[in-house]
Amino acid sequence: MNWGVFKWMVGLLLVFGLILATNLIDRKNFDKVAEAIDAIYEDRLVAKGFLFDLSMLVHQKQLDVASADTSRYLEQSAVTNHKIDELLSRYSETNLTQGEVEALEQLKKDLEQLLKVETRMR
């Protein structure tokens, strides 16, 4: 076999190997980026949606109290409290920062106090 042809074949194989290696590295990096984007979506955007829904439920409780219609408030209270508990459990399953964990614990304490007040109203 001709020595020049052998050098060209080895050179082409090395180039092909480098292209394949960089492709595999890039694929791994793209997978990491996709996982990070999924995590951002799940842990940030979905969590923000939970907080928005939670604030709407608490606001509805405020409106019911402000309307001075205690019978409606007490009727809706059990359903609303169940929805709030469900949202809190789903929110706590996301990855939270330390500040969010502290705020969540404070919110749970405040909601427990609200539940005690509601129980006394009955």
PDB file of N, CA and C in Angstrom:
ATOM      1  N   MET A   1       0.847  -1.176   0.000  1.00  0.00           N
ATOM      2  CA  MET A   1       0.000   0.000   0.000  1.00  0.00           C
ATOM      3  C   MET A   1       0.892   1.238   0.000  1.00  0.00           C
ATOM      4  N   ASN A   2       0.436   2.240  -0.673  1.00  0.00           N
ATOM      5  CA  ASN A   2       1.188   3.475  -0.803  1.00  0.00           C
ATOM      6  C   ASN A   2       1.151   4.248   0.518  1.00  0.00           C
ATOM      7  N   TRP A   3       2.323   4.710   0.937  1.00  0.00           N
ATOM      8  CA  TRP A   3       2.463   5.416   2.213  1.00  0.00           C
ATOM      9  C   TRP A   3       1.635   6.700   2.222  1.00  0.00           C
ATOM     10  N   GLY A   4       1.522   7.447   1.160  1.00  0.00           N
ATOM     11  CA  GLY A   4       0.745   8.687   1.060  1.00  0.00           C
ATOM     12  C   GLY A   4      -0.748   8.429   1.224  1.00  0.00           C
ATOM     13  N   VAL A   5      -1.248   7.359   0.617  1.00  0.00           N
ATOM     14  CA  VAL A   5      -2.665   7.012   0.731  1.00  0.00           C
ATOM     15  C   VAL A   5      -2.983   6.640   2.173  1.00  0.00           C
ATOM     16  N   PHE A   6      -2.088   5.935   2.829  1.00  0.00           N
ATOM     17  CA  PHE A   6      -2.273   5.536   4.226  1.00  0.00           C
ATOM     18  C   PHE A   6      -2.393   6.768   5.125  1.00  0.00           C
ATOM     19  N   LYS A   7      -1.536   7.787   4.882  1.00  0.00           N
ATOM     20  CA  LYS A   7      -1.592   9.023   5.672  1.00  0.00           C
ATOM     21  C   LYS A   7      -2.939   9.725   5.484  1.00  0.00           C
ATOM     22  N   TRP A   8      -3.427   9.762   4.252  1.00  0.00           N
ATOM     23  CA  TRP A   8      -4.718  10.398   3.984  1.00  0.00           C
ATOM     24  C   TRP A   8      -5.862   9.649   4.670  1.00  0.00           C
ATOM     25  N   MET A   9      -5.810   8.349   4.653  1.00  0.00           N
ATOM     26  CA  MET A   9      -6.868   7.551   5.295  1.00  0.00           C
ATOM     27  C   MET A   9      -6.843   7.762   6.806  1.00  0.00           C
ATOM     28  N   VAL A  10      -5.673   7.766   7.398  1.00  0.00           N
ATOM     29  CA  VAL A  10      -5.559   8.012   8.845  1.00  0.00           C
ATOM     30  C   VAL A  10      -6.046   9.422   9.172  1.00  0.00           C
ATOM     31  N   GLY A  11      -5.673  10.383   8.339  1.00  0.00           N
ATOM     32  CA  GLY A  11      -6.114  11.763   8.552  1.00  0.00           C
ATOM     33  C   GLY A  11      -7.622  11.894   8.469  1.00  0.00           C
ATOM     34  N   LEU A  12      -8.234  11.259   7.476  1.00  0.00           N
ATOM     35  CA  LEU A  12      -9.698  11.312   7.347  1.00  0.00           C
ATOM     36  C   LEU A  12     -10.387  10.624   8.521  1.00  0.00           C
ATOM     37  N   LEU A  13      -9.833   9.513   8.977  1.00  0.00           N
ATOM     38  CA  LEU A  13     -10.397   8.822  10.139  1.00  0.00           C
ATOM     39  C   LEU A  13     -10.296   9.682  11.393  1.00  0.00           C
ATOM     40  N   LEU A  14      -9.186  10.388  11.567  1.00  0.00           N
ATOM     41  CA  LEU A  14      -9.044  11.279  12.717  1.00  0.00           C
ATOM     42  C   LEU A  14     -10.056  12.423  12.657  1.00  0.00           C
ATOM     43  N   VAL A  15     -10.235  13.004  11.482  1.00  0.00           N
ATOM     44  CA  VAL A  15     -11.217  14.082  11.323  1.00  0.00           C
ATOM     45  C   VAL A  15     -12.622  13.552  11.610  1.00  0.00           C
ATOM     46  N   PHE A  16     -12.949  12.399  11.068  1.00  0.00           N
ATOM     47  CA  PHE A  16     -14.254  11.797  11.320  1.00  0.00           C
ATOM     48  C   PHE A  16     -14.438  11.513  12.815  1.00  0.00           C
ATOM     49  N   GLY A  17     -13.403  11.004  13.458  1.00  0.00           N
ATOM     50  CA  GLY A  17     -13.461  10.734  14.901  1.00  0.00           C
ATOM     51  C   GLY A  17     -13.663  11.999  15.706  1.00  0.00           C
ATOM     52  N   LEU A  18     -12.985  13.083  15.342  1.00  0.00           N
ATOM     53  CA  LEU A  18     -13.155  14.360  16.044  1.00  0.00           C
ATOM     54  C   LEU A  18     -14.570  14.907  15.872  1.00  0.00           C
ATOM     55  N   ILE A  19     -15.083  14.801  14.653  1.00  0.00           N
ATOM     56  CA  ILE A  19     -16.458  15.271  14.413  1.00  0.00           C
ATOM     57  C   ILE A  19     -17.440  14.458  15.247  1.00  0.00           C
ATOM     58  N   LEU A  20     -17.264  13.162  15.288  1.00  0.00           N
ATOM     59  CA  LEU A  20     -18.142  12.300  16.072  1.00  0.00           C
ATOM     60  C   LEU A  20     -18.042  12.625  17.567  1.00  0.00           C
ATOM     61  N   ALA A  21     -16.819  12.834  18.060  1.00  0.00           N
ATOM     62  CA  ALA A  21     -16.626  13.146  19.477  1.00  0.00           C
ATOM     63  C   ALA A  21     -17.267  14.475  19.853  1.00  0.00           C
ATOM     64  N   THR A  22     -17.079  15.509  19.025  1.00  0.00           N
ATOM     65  CA  THR A  22     -17.691  16.802  19.332  1.00  0.00           C
ATOM     66  C   THR A  22     -19.209  16.725  19.244  1.00  0.00           C
ATOM     67  N   ASN A  23     -19.723  15.911  18.331  1.00  0.00           N
ATOM     68  CA  ASN A  23     -21.169  15.735  18.225  1.00  0.00           C
ATOM     69  C   ASN A  23     -21.725  15.105  19.496  1.00  0.00           C
ATOM     70  N   LEU A  24     -21.050  14.104  20.022  1.00  0.00           N
ATOM     71  CA  LEU A  24     -21.507  13.457  21.256  1.00  0.00           C
ATOM     72  C   LEU A  24     -21.448  14.418  22.440  1.00  0.00           C
ATOM     73  N   ILE A  25     -20.390  15.219  22.503  1.00  0.00           N
ATOM     74  CA  ILE A  25     -20.268  16.205  23.582  1.00  0.00           C
ATOM     75  C   ILE A  25     -21.378  17.246  23.464  1.00  0.00           C
ATOM     76  N   ASP A  26     -21.624  17.723  22.247  1.00  0.00           N
ATOM     77  CA  ASP A  26     -22.690  18.707  22.043  1.00  0.00           C
ATOM     78  C   ASP A  26     -24.052  18.139  22.392  1.00  0.00           C
ATOM     79  N   ARG A  27     -24.294  16.884  22.052  1.00  0.00           N
ATOM     80  CA  ARG A  27     -25.573  16.254  22.376  1.00  0.00           C
ATOM     81  C   ARG A  27     -25.771  16.208  23.895  1.00  0.00           C
ATOM     82  N   LYS A  28     -24.720  15.879  24.617  1.00  0.00           N
ATOM     83  CA  LYS A  28     -24.802  15.833  26.079  1.00  0.00           C
ATOM     84  C   LYS A  28     -25.094  17.229  26.639  1.00  0.00           C
ATOM     85  N   ASN A  29     -24.445  18.238  26.071  1.00  0.00           N
ATOM     86  CA  ASN A  29     -24.688  19.607  26.530  1.00  0.00           C
ATOM     87  C   ASN A  29     -26.107  20.057  26.210  1.00  0.00           C
ATOM     88  N   PHE A  30     -26.607  19.712  25.027  1.00  0.00           N
ATOM     89  CA  PHE A  30     -27.980  20.065  24.684  1.00  0.00           C
ATOM     90  C   PHE A  30     -28.971  19.368  25.612  1.00  0.00           C
ATOM     91  N   ASP A  31     -28.705  18.138  25.987  1.00  0.00           N
ATOM     92  CA  ASP A  31     -29.569  17.434  26.935  1.00  0.00           C
ATOM     93  C   ASP A  31     -29.579  18.128  28.292  1.00  0.00           C
ATOM     94  N   LYS A  32     -28.408  18.594  28.734  1.00  0.00           N
ATOM     95  CA  LYS A  32     -28.330  19.316  30.009  1.00  0.00           C
ATOM     96  C   LYS A  32     -29.128  20.614  29.954  1.00  0.00           C
ATOM     97  N   VAL A  33     -29.026  21.324  28.833  1.00  0.00           N
ATOM     98  CA  VAL A  33     -29.771  22.574  28.674  1.00  0.00           C
ATOM     99  C   VAL A  33     -31.270  22.289  28.653  1.00  0.00           C
ATOM    100  N   ALA A  34     -31.678  21.234  27.977  1.00  0.00           N
ATOM    101  CA  ALA A  34     -33.103  20.886  27.927  1.00  0.00           C
ATOM    102  C   ALA A  34     -33.621  20.537  29.321  1.00  0.00           C
ATOM    103  N   GLU A  35     -32.829  19.805  30.093  1.00  0.00           N
ATOM    104  CA  GLU A  35     -33.233  19.479  31.466  1.00  0.00           C
ATOM    105  C   GLU A  35     -33.330  20.736  32.316  1.00  0.00           C
ATOM    106  N   ALA A  36     -32.399  21.668  32.124  1.00  0.00           N
ATOM    107  CA  ALA A  36     -32.429  22.917  32.884  1.00  0.00           C
ATOM    108  C   ALA A  36     -33.666  23.737  32.537  1.00  0.00           C
ATOM    109  N   ILE A  37     -34.018  23.762  31.266  1.00  0.00           N
ATOM    110  CA  ILE A  37     -35.212  24.510  30.850  1.00  0.00           C
ATOM    111  C   ILE A  37     -36.467  23.862  31.425  1.00  0.00           C
ATOM    112  N   ASP A  38     -36.519  22.536  31.416  1.00  0.00           N
ATOM    113  CA  ASP A  38     -37.655  21.843  32.025  1.00  0.00           C
ATOM    114  C   ASP A  38     -37.739  22.148  33.512  1.00  0.00           C
ATOM    115  N   ALA A  39     -36.593  22.174  34.177  1.00  0.00           N
ATOM    116  CA  ALA A  39     -36.572  22.467  35.611  1.00  0.00           C
ATOM    117  C   ALA A  39     -37.038  23.891  35.871  1.00  0.00           C
ATOM    118  N   ILE A  40     -36.602  24.815  35.026  1.00  0.00           N
ATOM    119  CA  ILE A  40     -37.049  26.199  35.185  1.00  0.00           C
ATOM    120  C   ILE A  40     -38.558  26.275  35.013  1.00  0.00           C
ATOM    121  N   TYR A  41     -39.065  25.589  34.009  1.00  0.00           N
ATOM    122  CA  TYR A  41     -40.507  25.605  33.775  1.00  0.00           C
ATOM    123  C   TYR A  41     -41.257  25.015  34.963  1.00  0.00           C
ATOM    124  N   GLU A  42     -40.833  23.825  35.388  1.00  0.00           N
ATOM    125  CA  GLU A  42     -41.534  23.144  36.472  1.00  0.00           C
ATOM    126  C   GLU A  42     -41.416  23.880  37.798  1.00  0.00           C
ATOM    127  N   ASP A  43     -40.193  24.312  38.118  1.00  0.00           N
ATOM    128  CA  ASP A  43     -39.955  24.839  39.457  1.00  0.00           C
ATOM    129  C   ASP A  43     -40.190  26.324  39.588  1.00  0.00           C
ATOM    130  N   ARG A  44     -40.229  27.031  38.525  1.00  0.00           N
ATOM    131  CA  ARG A  44     -40.435  28.467  38.626  1.00  0.00           C
ATOM    132  C   ARG A  44     -41.795  28.868  38.085  1.00  0.00           C
ATOM    133  N   LEU A  45     -42.070  28.560  36.837  1.00  0.00           N
ATOM    134  CA  LEU A  45     -43.300  29.048  36.225  1.00  0.00           C
ATOM    135  C   LEU A  45     -44.533  28.350  36.783  1.00  0.00           C
ATOM    136  N   VAL A  46     -44.472  27.057  36.913  1.00  0.00           N
ATOM    137  CA  VAL A  46     -45.613  26.323  37.474  1.00  0.00           C
ATOM    138  C   VAL A  46     -45.827  26.736  38.927  1.00  0.00           C
ATOM    139  N   ALA A  47     -44.722  26.895  39.665  1.00  0.00           N
ATOM    140  CA  ALA A  47     -44.825  27.316  41.067  1.00  0.00           C
ATOM    141  C   ALA A  47     -45.453  28.705  41.164  1.00  0.00           C
ATOM    142  N   LYS A  48     -45.092  29.589  40.255  1.00  0.00           N
ATOM    143  CA  LYS A  48     -45.698  30.922  40.258  1.00  0.00           C
ATOM    144  C   LYS A  48     -47.202  30.830  39.982  1.00  0.00           C
ATOM    145  N   GLY A  49     -47.587  29.904  39.124  1.00  0.00           N
ATOM    146  CA  GLY A  49     -49.009  29.697  38.874  1.00  0.00           C
ATOM    147  C   GLY A  49     -49.738  29.213  40.115  1.00  0.00           C
ATOM    148  N   PHE A  50     -49.093  28.322  40.877  1.00  0.00           N
ATOM    149  CA  PHE A  50     -49.685  27.860  42.134  1.00  0.00           C
ATOM    150  C   PHE A  50     -49.876  29.035  43.083  1.00  0.00           C
ATOM    151  N   LEU A  51     -48.869  29.887  43.175  1.00  0.00           N
ATOM    152  CA  LEU A  51     -48.959  31.048  44.068  1.00  0.00           C
ATOM    153  C   LEU A  51     -50.053  32.009  43.621  1.00  0.00           C
ATOM    154  N   PHE A  52     -50.188  32.185  42.314  1.00  0.00           N
ATOM    155  CA  PHE A  52     -51.241  33.062  41.808  1.00  0.00           C
ATOM    156  C   PHE A  52     -52.615  32.495  42.164  1.00  0.00           C
ATOM    157  N   ASP A  53     -52.822  31.205  41.930  1.00  0.00           N
ATOM    158  CA  ASP A  53     -54.103  30.579  42.272  1.00  0.00           C
ATOM    159  C   ASP A  53     -54.370  30.673  43.773  1.00  0.00           C
ATOM    160  N   LEU A  54     -53.340  30.479  44.557  1.00  0.00           N
ATOM    161  CA  LEU A  54     -53.467  30.566  46.009  1.00  0.00           C
ATOM    162  C   LEU A  54     -53.868  31.980  46.433  1.00  0.00           C
ATOM    163  N   SER A  55     -53.236  32.981  45.832  1.00  0.00           N
ATOM    164  CA  SER A  55     -53.578  34.360  46.189  1.00  0.00           C
ATOM    165  C   SER A  55     -55.014  34.688  45.781  1.00  0.00           C
ATOM    166  N   MET A  56     -55.473  34.115  44.660  1.00  0.00           N
ATOM    167  CA  MET A  56     -56.857  34.347  44.242  1.00  0.00           C
ATOM    168  C   MET A  56     -57.850  33.731  45.231  1.00  0.00           C
ATOM    169  N   LEU A  57     -57.526  32.549  45.749  1.00  0.00           N
ATOM    170  CA  LEU A  57     -58.409  31.909  46.728  1.00  0.00           C
ATOM    171  C   LEU A  57     -58.452  32.706  48.034  1.00  0.00           C
ATOM    172  N   VAL A  58     -57.306  33.179  48.485  1.00  0.00           N
ATOM    173  CA  VAL A  58     -57.270  33.980  49.715  1.00  0.00           C
ATOM    174  C   VAL A  58     -58.011  35.301  49.492  1.00  0.00           C
ATOM    175  N   HIS A  59     -57.847  35.874  48.316  1.00  0.00           N
ATOM    176  CA  HIS A  59     -58.563  37.110  48.000  1.00  0.00           C
ATOM    177  C   HIS A  59     -60.077  36.878  47.989  1.00  0.00           C
ATOM    178  N   GLN A  60     -60.507  35.726  47.485  1.00  0.00           N
ATOM    179  CA  GLN A  60     -61.936  35.412  47.491  1.00  0.00           C
ATOM    180  C   GLN A  60     -62.446  35.314  48.928  1.00  0.00           C
ATOM    181  N   LYS A  61     -61.635  34.743  49.814  1.00  0.00           N
ATOM    182  CA  LYS A  61     -62.022  34.694  51.223  1.00  0.00           C
ATOM    183  C   LYS A  61     -62.162  36.101  51.786  1.00  0.00           C
ATOM    184  N   GLN A  62     -61.243  36.988  51.413  1.00  0.00           N
ATOM    185  CA  GLN A  62     -61.323  38.372  51.871  1.00  0.00           C
ATOM    186  C   GLN A  62     -62.605  39.035  51.385  1.00  0.00           C
ATOM    187  N   LEU A  63     -62.951  38.810  50.131  1.00  0.00           N
ATOM    188  CA  LEU A  63     -64.176  39.400  49.587  1.00  0.00           C
ATOM    189  C   LEU A  63     -65.406  38.857  50.295  1.00  0.00           C
ATOM    190  N   ASP A  64     -65.413  37.563  50.595  1.00  0.00           N
ATOM    191  CA  ASP A  64     -66.557  36.975  51.301  1.00  0.00           C
ATOM    192  C   ASP A  64     -66.704  37.564  52.698  1.00  0.00           C
ATOM    193  N   VAL A  65     -65.593  37.783  53.377  1.00  0.00           N
ATOM    194  CA  VAL A  65     -65.650  38.386  54.715  1.00  0.00           C
ATOM    195  C   VAL A  65     -66.095  39.838  54.611  1.00  0.00           C
ATOM    196  N   ALA A  66     -65.577  40.560  53.621  1.00  0.00           N
ATOM    197  CA  ALA A  66     -65.932  41.972  53.469  1.00  0.00           C
ATOM    198  C   ALA A  66     -67.401  42.162  53.111  1.00  0.00           C
ATOM    199  N   SER A  67     -67.986  41.182  52.448  1.00  0.00           N
ATOM    200  CA  SER A  67     -69.397  41.316  52.071  1.00  0.00           C
ATOM    201  C   SER A  67     -70.326  41.082  53.260  1.00  0.00           C
ATOM    202  N   ALA A  68     -69.781  40.669  54.372  1.00  0.00           N
ATOM    203  CA  ALA A  68     -70.541  40.440  55.605  1.00  0.00           C
ATOM    204  C   ALA A  68     -71.572  39.336  55.437  1.00  0.00           C
ATOM    205  N   ASP A  69     -71.364  38.466  54.485  1.00  0.00           N
ATOM    206  CA  ASP A  69     -72.245  37.320  54.266  1.00  0.00           C
ATOM    207  C   ASP A  69     -71.550  36.098  54.859  1.00  0.00           C
ATOM    208  N   THR A  70     -71.710  35.917  56.176  1.00  0.00           N
ATOM    209  CA  THR A  70     -70.986  34.843  56.866  1.00  0.00           C
ATOM    210  C   THR A  70     -71.483  33.461  56.451  1.00  0.00           C
ATOM    211  N   SER A  71     -72.752  33.350  56.086  1.00  0.00           N
ATOM    212  CA  SER A  71     -73.258  32.034  55.689  1.00  0.00           C
ATOM    213  C   SER A  71     -72.561  31.572  54.400  1.00  0.00           C
ATOM    214  N   ARG A  72     -72.437  32.473  53.426  1.00  0.00           N
ATOM    215  CA  ARG A  72     -71.737  32.117  52.184  1.00  0.00           C
ATOM    216  C   ARG A  72     -70.273  31.835  52.475  1.00  0.00           C
ATOM    217  N   TYR A  73     -69.680  32.640  53.331  1.00  0.00           N
ATOM    218  CA  TYR A  73     -68.268  32.456  53.673  1.00  0.00           C
ATOM    219  C   TYR A  73     -68.038  31.081  54.286  1.00  0.00           C
ATOM    220  N   LEU A  74     -68.896  30.687  55.216  1.00  0.00           N
ATOM    221  CA  LEU A  74     -68.724  29.393  55.874  1.00  0.00           C
ATOM    222  C   LEU A  74     -68.997  28.232  54.927  1.00  0.00           C
ATOM    223  N   GLU A  75     -69.958  28.416  53.991  1.00  0.00           N
ATOM    224  CA  GLU A  75     -70.231  27.372  53.002  1.00  0.00           C
ATOM    225  C   GLU A  75     -69.039  27.172  52.069  1.00  0.00           C
ATOM    226  N   GLN A  76     -68.506  28.265  51.598  1.00  0.00           N
ATOM    227  CA  GLN A  76     -67.390  28.203  50.652  1.00  0.00           C
ATOM    228  C   GLN A  76     -66.062  27.902  51.327  1.00  0.00           C
ATOM    229  N   SER A  77     -65.997  28.097  52.628  1.00  0.00           N
ATOM    230  CA  SER A  77     -64.740  27.963  53.348  1.00  0.00           C
ATOM    231  C   SER A  77     -64.144  26.569  53.242  1.00  0.00           C
ATOM    232  N   ALA A  78     -64.959  25.542  53.389  1.00  0.00           N
ATOM    233  CA  ALA A  78     -64.444  24.169  53.347  1.00  0.00           C
ATOM    234  C   ALA A  78     -63.876  23.837  51.970  1.00  0.00           C
ATOM    235  N   VAL A  79     -64.590  24.237  50.927  1.00  0.00           N
ATOM    236  CA  VAL A  79     -64.119  23.975  49.564  1.00  0.00           C
ATOM    237  C   VAL A  79     -62.835  24.752  49.285  1.00  0.00           C
ATOM    238  N   THR A  80     -62.840  26.017  49.675  1.00  0.00           N
ATOM    239  CA  THR A  80     -61.666  26.858  49.448  1.00  0.00           C
ATOM    240  C   THR A  80     -60.472  26.347  50.230  1.00  0.00           C
ATOM    241  N   ASN A  81     -60.694  25.936  51.473  1.00  0.00           N
ATOM    242  CA  ASN A  81     -59.596  25.412  52.287  1.00  0.00           C
ATOM    243  C   ASN A  81     -59.004  24.147  51.674  1.00  0.00           C
ATOM    244  N   HIS A  82     -59.848  23.312  51.112  1.00  0.00           N
ATOM    245  CA  HIS A  82     -59.347  22.099  50.454  1.00  0.00           C
ATOM    246  C   HIS A  82     -58.490  22.462  49.240  1.00  0.00           C
ATOM    247  N   LYS A  83     -58.952  23.414  48.459  1.00  0.00           N
ATOM    248  CA  LYS A  83     -58.180  23.851  47.293  1.00  0.00           C
ATOM    249  C   LYS A  83     -56.845  24.459  47.720  1.00  0.00           C
ATOM    250  N   ILE A  84     -56.875  25.237  48.797  1.00  0.00           N
ATOM    251  CA  ILE A  84     -55.644  25.850  49.308  1.00  0.00           C
ATOM    252  C   ILE A  84     -54.666  24.777  49.759  1.00  0.00           C
ATOM    253  N   ASP A  85     -55.147  23.784  50.492  1.00  0.00           N
ATOM    254  CA  ASP A  85     -54.268  22.697  50.936  1.00  0.00           C
ATOM    255  C   ASP A  85     -53.653  21.959  49.759  1.00  0.00           C
ATOM    256  N   GLU A  86     -54.450  21.719  48.737  1.00  0.00           N
ATOM    257  CA  GLU A  86     -53.951  21.028  47.542  1.00  0.00           C
ATOM    258  C   GLU A  86     -52.867  21.852  46.842  1.00  0.00           C
ATOM    259  N   LEU A  87     -53.111  23.151  46.696  1.00  0.00           N
ATOM    260  CA  LEU A  87     -52.114  24.016  46.054  1.00  0.00           C
ATOM    261  C   LEU A  87     -50.835  24.100  46.881  1.00  0.00           C
ATOM    262  N   LEU A  88     -50.975  24.174  48.203  1.00  0.00           N
ATOM    263  CA  LEU A  88     -49.785  24.232  49.054  1.00  0.00           C
ATOM    264  C   LEU A  88     -48.956  22.960  48.951  1.00  0.00           C
ATOM    265  N   SER A  89     -49.610  21.816  48.893  1.00  0.00           N
ATOM    266  CA  SER A  89     -48.855  20.569  48.787  1.00  0.00           C
ATOM    267  C   SER A  89     -48.166  20.466  47.427  1.00  0.00           C
ATOM    268  N   ARG A  90     -48.841  20.887  46.370  1.00  0.00           N
ATOM    269  CA  ARG A  90     -48.221  20.853  45.037  1.00  0.00           C
ATOM    270  C   ARG A  90     -47.065  21.844  44.953  1.00  0.00           C
ATOM    271  N   TYR A  91     -47.223  23.004  45.583  1.00  0.00           N
ATOM    272  CA  TYR A  91     -46.155  24.006  45.584  1.00  0.00           C
ATOM    273  C   TYR A  91     -44.946  23.517  46.377  1.00  0.00           C
ATOM    274  N   SER A  92     -45.180  22.858  47.489  1.00  0.00           N
ATOM    275  CA  SER A  92     -44.060  22.401  48.315  1.00  0.00           C
ATOM    276  C   SER A  92     -43.282  21.269  47.650  1.00  0.00           C
ATOM    277  N   GLU A  93     -43.858  20.618  46.635  1.00  0.00           N
ATOM    278  CA  GLU A  93     -43.164  19.555  45.918  1.00  0.00           C
ATOM    279  C   GLU A  93     -42.157  20.090  44.897  1.00  0.00           C
ATOM    280  N   THR A  94     -42.237  21.380  44.567  1.00  0.00           N
ATOM    281  CA  THR A  94     -41.274  21.959  43.632  1.00  0.00           C
ATOM    282  C   THR A  94     -39.983  22.271  44.381  1.00  0.00           C
ATOM    283  N   ASN A  95     -38.916  22.518  43.628  1.00  0.00           N
ATOM    284  CA  ASN A  95     -37.642  22.897  44.249  1.00  0.00           C
ATOM    285  C   ASN A  95     -37.742  24.345  44.701  1.00  0.00           C
ATOM    286  N   LEU A  96     -37.614  24.554  45.996  1.00  0.00           N
ATOM    287  CA  LEU A  96     -37.779  25.879  46.565  1.00  0.00           C
ATOM    288  C   LEU A  96     -36.444  26.413  47.067  1.00  0.00           C
ATOM    289  N   THR A  97     -36.292  27.729  46.984  1.00  0.00           N
ATOM    290  CA  THR A  97     -35.133  28.361  47.586  1.00  0.00           C
ATOM    291  C   THR A  97     -35.362  28.447  49.095  1.00  0.00           C
ATOM    292  N   GLN A  98     -34.320  28.796  49.820  1.00  0.00           N
ATOM    293  CA  GLN A  98     -34.449  28.881  51.282  1.00  0.00           C
ATOM    294  C   GLN A  98     -35.472  29.948  51.669  1.00  0.00           C
ATOM    295  N   GLY A  99     -35.465  31.067  50.960  1.00  0.00           N
ATOM    296  CA  GLY A  99     -36.440  32.123  51.241  1.00  0.00           C
ATOM    297  C   GLY A  99     -37.864  31.673  50.973  1.00  0.00           C
ATOM    298  N   GLU A 100     -38.053  30.892  49.925  1.00  0.00           N
ATOM    299  CA  GLU A 100     -39.385  30.389  49.608  1.00  0.00           C
ATOM    300  C   GLU A 100     -39.852  29.379  50.652  1.00  0.00           C
ATOM    301  N   VAL A 101     -38.938  28.573  51.158  1.00  0.00           N
ATOM    302  CA  VAL A 101     -39.298  27.607  52.207  1.00  0.00           C
ATOM    303  C   VAL A 101     -39.757  28.352  53.455  1.00  0.00           C
ATOM    304  N   GLU A 102     -39.017  29.399  53.826  1.00  0.00           N
ATOM    305  CA  GLU A 102     -39.388  30.185  55.008  1.00  0.00           C
ATOM    306  C   GLU A 102     -40.738  30.870  54.805  1.00  0.00           C
ATOM    307  N   ALA A 103     -40.945  31.438  53.620  1.00  0.00           N
ATOM    308  CA  ALA A 103     -42.223  32.105  53.333  1.00  0.00           C
ATOM    309  C   ALA A 103     -43.372  31.106  53.328  1.00  0.00           C
ATOM    310  N   LEU A 104     -43.128  29.904  52.820  1.00  0.00           N
ATOM    311  CA  LEU A 104     -44.158  28.868  52.797  1.00  0.00           C
ATOM    312  C   LEU A 104     -44.533  28.447  54.217  1.00  0.00           C
ATOM    313  N   GLU A 105     -43.546  28.294  55.077  1.00  0.00           N
ATOM    314  CA  GLU A 105     -43.832  27.927  56.470  1.00  0.00           C
ATOM    315  C   GLU A 105     -44.631  29.015  57.163  1.00  0.00           C
ATOM    316  N   GLN A 106     -44.281  30.275  56.914  1.00  0.00           N
ATOM    317  CA  GLN A 106     -45.026  31.388  57.515  1.00  0.00           C
ATOM    318  C   GLN A 106     -46.462  31.412  56.983  1.00  0.00           C
ATOM    319  N   LEU A 107     -46.623  31.160  55.693  1.00  0.00           N
ATOM    320  CA  LEU A 107     -47.961  31.118  55.102  1.00  0.00           C
ATOM    321  C   LEU A 107     -48.793  30.006  55.722  1.00  0.00           C
ATOM    322  N   LYS A 108     -48.188  28.847  55.935  1.00  0.00           N
ATOM    323  CA  LYS A 108     -48.916  27.735  56.551  1.00  0.00           C
ATOM    324  C   LYS A 108     -49.356  28.104  57.963  1.00  0.00           C
ATOM    325  N   LYS A 109     -48.483  28.780  58.709  1.00  0.00           N
ATOM    326  CA  LYS A 109     -48.853  29.212  60.065  1.00  0.00           C
ATOM    327  C   LYS A 109     -50.014  30.192  60.018  1.00  0.00           C
ATOM    328  N   ASP A 110     -49.949  31.149  59.096  1.00  0.00           N
ATOM    329  CA  ASP A 110     -51.022  32.139  58.971  1.00  0.00           C
ATOM    330  C   ASP A 110     -52.340  31.481  58.573  1.00  0.00           C
ATOM    331  N   LEU A 111     -52.275  30.498  57.675  1.00  0.00           N
ATOM    332  CA  LEU A 111     -53.497  29.807  57.268  1.00  0.00           C
ATOM    333  C   LEU A 111     -54.068  28.968  58.400  1.00  0.00           C
ATOM    334  N   GLU A 112     -53.206  28.411  59.245  1.00  0.00           N
ATOM    335  CA  GLU A 112     -53.690  27.677  60.419  1.00  0.00           C
ATOM    336  C   GLU A 112     -54.432  28.620  61.362  1.00  0.00           C
ATOM    337  N   GLN A 113     -53.911  29.830  61.545  1.00  0.00           N
ATOM    338  CA  GLN A 113     -54.595  30.805  62.388  1.00  0.00           C
ATOM    339  C   GLN A 113     -55.947  31.181  61.785  1.00  0.00           C
ATOM    340  N   LEU A 114     -55.985  31.352  60.477  1.00  0.00           N
ATOM    341  CA  LEU A 114     -57.244  31.661  59.800  1.00  0.00           C
ATOM    342  C   LEU A 114     -58.247  30.535  59.981  1.00  0.00           C
ATOM    343  N   LEU A 115     -57.784  29.304  59.900  1.00  0.00           N
ATOM    344  CA  LEU A 115     -58.662  28.157  60.086  1.00  0.00           C
ATOM    345  C   LEU A 115     -59.227  28.124  61.507  1.00  0.00           C
ATOM    346  N   LYS A 116     -58.415  28.485  62.483  1.00  0.00           N
ATOM    347  CA  LYS A 116     -58.900  28.546  63.872  1.00  0.00           C
ATOM    348  C   LYS A 116     -59.992  29.604  64.022  1.00  0.00           C
ATOM    349  N   VAL A 117     -59.793  30.739  63.369  1.00  0.00           N
ATOM    350  CA  VAL A 117     -60.799  31.806  63.423  1.00  0.00           C
ATOM    351  C   VAL A 117     -62.086  31.339  62.745  1.00  0.00           C
ATOM    352  N   GLU A 118     -61.962  30.665  61.607  1.00  0.00           N
ATOM    353  CA  GLU A 118     -63.132  30.156  60.923  1.00  0.00           C
ATOM    354  C   GLU A 118     -63.873  29.143  61.769  1.00  0.00           C
ATOM    355  N   THR A 119     -63.124  28.306  62.466  1.00  0.00           N
ATOM    356  CA  THR A 119     -63.750  27.304  63.332  1.00  0.00           C
ATOM    357  C   THR A 119     -64.537  27.980  64.458  1.00  0.00           C
ATOM    358  N   ARG A 120     -64.020  29.058  64.996  1.00  0.00           N
ATOM    359  CA  ARG A 120     -64.731  29.781  66.060  1.00  0.00           C
ATOM    360  C   ARG A 120     -65.967  30.480  65.545  1.00  0.00           C
ATOM    361  N   MET A 121     -65.982  30.831  64.245  1.00  0.00           N
ATOM    362  CA  MET A 121     -67.137  31.507  63.659  1.00  0.00           C
ATOM    363  C   MET A 121     -68.343  30.583  63.506  1.00  0.00           C
ATOM    364  N   ARG A 122     -68.099  29.287  63.458  1.00  0.00           N
ATOM    365  CA  ARG A 122     -69.204  28.342  63.220  1.00  0.00           C
ATOM    366  C   ARG A 122     -70.042  28.158  64.408  1.00  0.00           C
TER     367      ARG A 122
END
